[in-house]
């Protein structure tokens, strides 16, 4: 499974593994973004 991620500036990155996305969130390399339906994107 791959998840979409955005860097700190909102630039889309390649979809990555959930474990890597969690690590990047912990290190503040990416940010969580929700769409209008409050769905993580």
N, C-alpha and C. Protein backbone atom coordinates (compact mmCIF):
# COMPACT_ATOMS: atom_id res chain seq x y z
N UNK A 1 0.85 -1.18 0.00
CA UNK A 1 0.00 0.00 0.00
C UNK A 1 0.89 1.24 0.00
N UNK A 2 0.51 2.24 -0.73
CA UNK A 2 1.24 3.50 -0.81
C UNK A 2 0.33 4.64 -0.39
N UNK A 3 0.89 5.63 0.25
CA UNK A 3 0.11 6.80 0.67
C UNK A 3 0.70 8.05 0.02
N UNK A 4 -0.16 8.99 -0.37
CA UNK A 4 0.34 10.24 -0.94
C UNK A 4 0.90 11.14 0.16
N UNK A 5 1.96 11.86 -0.11
CA UNK A 5 2.55 12.77 0.87
C UNK A 5 2.87 14.10 0.21
N UNK A 6 2.88 15.14 1.03
CA UNK A 6 3.27 16.49 0.60
C UNK A 6 4.42 16.94 1.48
N UNK A 7 5.38 17.66 0.89
CA UNK A 7 6.46 18.19 1.71
C UNK A 7 5.95 19.39 2.51
N UNK A 8 6.83 20.00 3.29
CA UNK A 8 6.41 21.12 4.15
C UNK A 8 5.84 22.29 3.37
N UNK A 9 6.25 22.44 2.12
CA UNK A 9 5.78 23.56 1.29
C UNK A 9 4.53 23.22 0.50
N UNK A 10 4.02 22.00 0.66
CA UNK A 10 2.81 21.60 -0.04
C UNK A 10 3.06 20.98 -1.41
N UNK A 11 4.32 20.75 -1.76
CA UNK A 11 4.65 20.14 -3.05
C UNK A 11 4.41 18.63 -2.96
N UNK A 12 3.66 18.05 -3.90
CA UNK A 12 3.41 16.61 -3.86
C UNK A 12 4.69 15.81 -4.08
N UNK A 13 4.85 14.77 -3.29
CA UNK A 13 5.95 13.83 -3.45
C UNK A 13 5.40 12.52 -3.99
N UNK A 14 6.28 11.61 -4.34
CA UNK A 14 5.84 10.30 -4.81
C UNK A 14 5.16 9.56 -3.67
N UNK A 15 4.11 8.79 -3.95
CA UNK A 15 3.49 7.98 -2.90
C UNK A 15 4.52 7.06 -2.26
N UNK A 16 4.41 6.86 -0.96
CA UNK A 16 5.40 6.09 -0.22
C UNK A 16 4.73 5.13 0.75
N UNK A 17 5.52 4.31 1.39
CA UNK A 17 5.01 3.36 2.37
C UNK A 17 4.49 4.11 3.60
N UNK A 18 3.46 3.58 4.26
CA UNK A 18 2.94 4.24 5.46
C UNK A 18 3.99 4.41 6.55
N UNK A 19 4.89 3.43 6.71
CA UNK A 19 5.91 3.53 7.75
C UNK A 19 6.85 4.71 7.49
N UNK A 20 7.22 4.91 6.24
CA UNK A 20 8.10 6.02 5.90
C UNK A 20 7.38 7.35 6.08
N UNK A 21 6.10 7.40 5.71
CA UNK A 21 5.32 8.63 5.88
C UNK A 21 5.20 8.98 7.36
N UNK A 22 4.99 7.98 8.22
CA UNK A 22 4.93 8.25 9.67
C UNK A 22 6.25 8.79 10.19
N UNK A 23 7.36 8.21 9.71
CA UNK A 23 8.68 8.67 10.15
C UNK A 23 8.92 10.11 9.71
N UNK A 24 8.54 10.44 8.47
CA UNK A 24 8.70 11.80 7.98
C UNK A 24 7.84 12.78 8.77
N UNK A 25 6.62 12.36 9.16
CA UNK A 25 5.78 13.23 9.98
C UNK A 25 6.44 13.50 11.32
N UNK A 26 7.02 12.47 11.91
CA UNK A 26 7.70 12.61 13.20
C UNK A 26 8.90 13.56 13.09
N UNK A 27 9.59 13.51 11.96
CA UNK A 27 10.77 14.36 11.73
C UNK A 27 10.40 15.72 11.14
N UNK A 28 9.11 16.00 10.97
CA UNK A 28 8.59 17.27 10.40
C UNK A 28 9.09 17.53 8.98
N UNK A 29 9.29 16.47 8.21
CA UNK A 29 9.68 16.64 6.81
C UNK A 29 8.48 16.78 5.90
N UNK A 30 7.32 16.30 6.35
CA UNK A 30 6.08 16.40 5.58
C UNK A 30 4.99 16.92 6.51
N UNK A 31 3.85 17.27 5.93
CA UNK A 31 2.74 17.75 6.76
C UNK A 31 1.46 17.05 6.37
N UNK A 32 0.52 17.03 7.29
CA UNK A 32 -0.78 16.41 7.05
C UNK A 32 -1.69 17.43 6.39
N UNK A 33 -2.36 17.03 5.33
CA UNK A 33 -3.26 17.91 4.60
C UNK A 33 -4.59 17.18 4.42
N UNK A 34 -5.68 17.86 4.72
CA UNK A 34 -7.01 17.29 4.55
C UNK A 34 -7.73 18.04 3.43
N UNK A 35 -8.59 17.33 2.70
CA UNK A 35 -9.38 18.00 1.67
C UNK A 35 -10.68 18.51 2.28
N UNK A 36 -11.62 18.96 1.46
CA UNK A 36 -12.87 19.54 1.95
C UNK A 36 -13.74 18.54 2.71
N UNK A 37 -13.54 17.26 2.47
CA UNK A 37 -14.34 16.23 3.13
C UNK A 37 -13.66 15.69 4.39
N UNK A 38 -12.61 16.39 4.86
CA UNK A 38 -11.82 15.97 6.02
C UNK A 38 -11.20 14.60 5.82
N UNK A 39 -10.80 14.32 4.59
CA UNK A 39 -10.13 13.08 4.27
C UNK A 39 -8.66 13.40 4.05
N UNK A 40 -7.79 12.63 4.70
CA UNK A 40 -6.35 12.84 4.53
C UNK A 40 -5.98 12.61 3.08
N UNK A 41 -5.21 13.54 2.52
CA UNK A 41 -4.77 13.37 1.13
C UNK A 41 -3.30 13.70 1.02
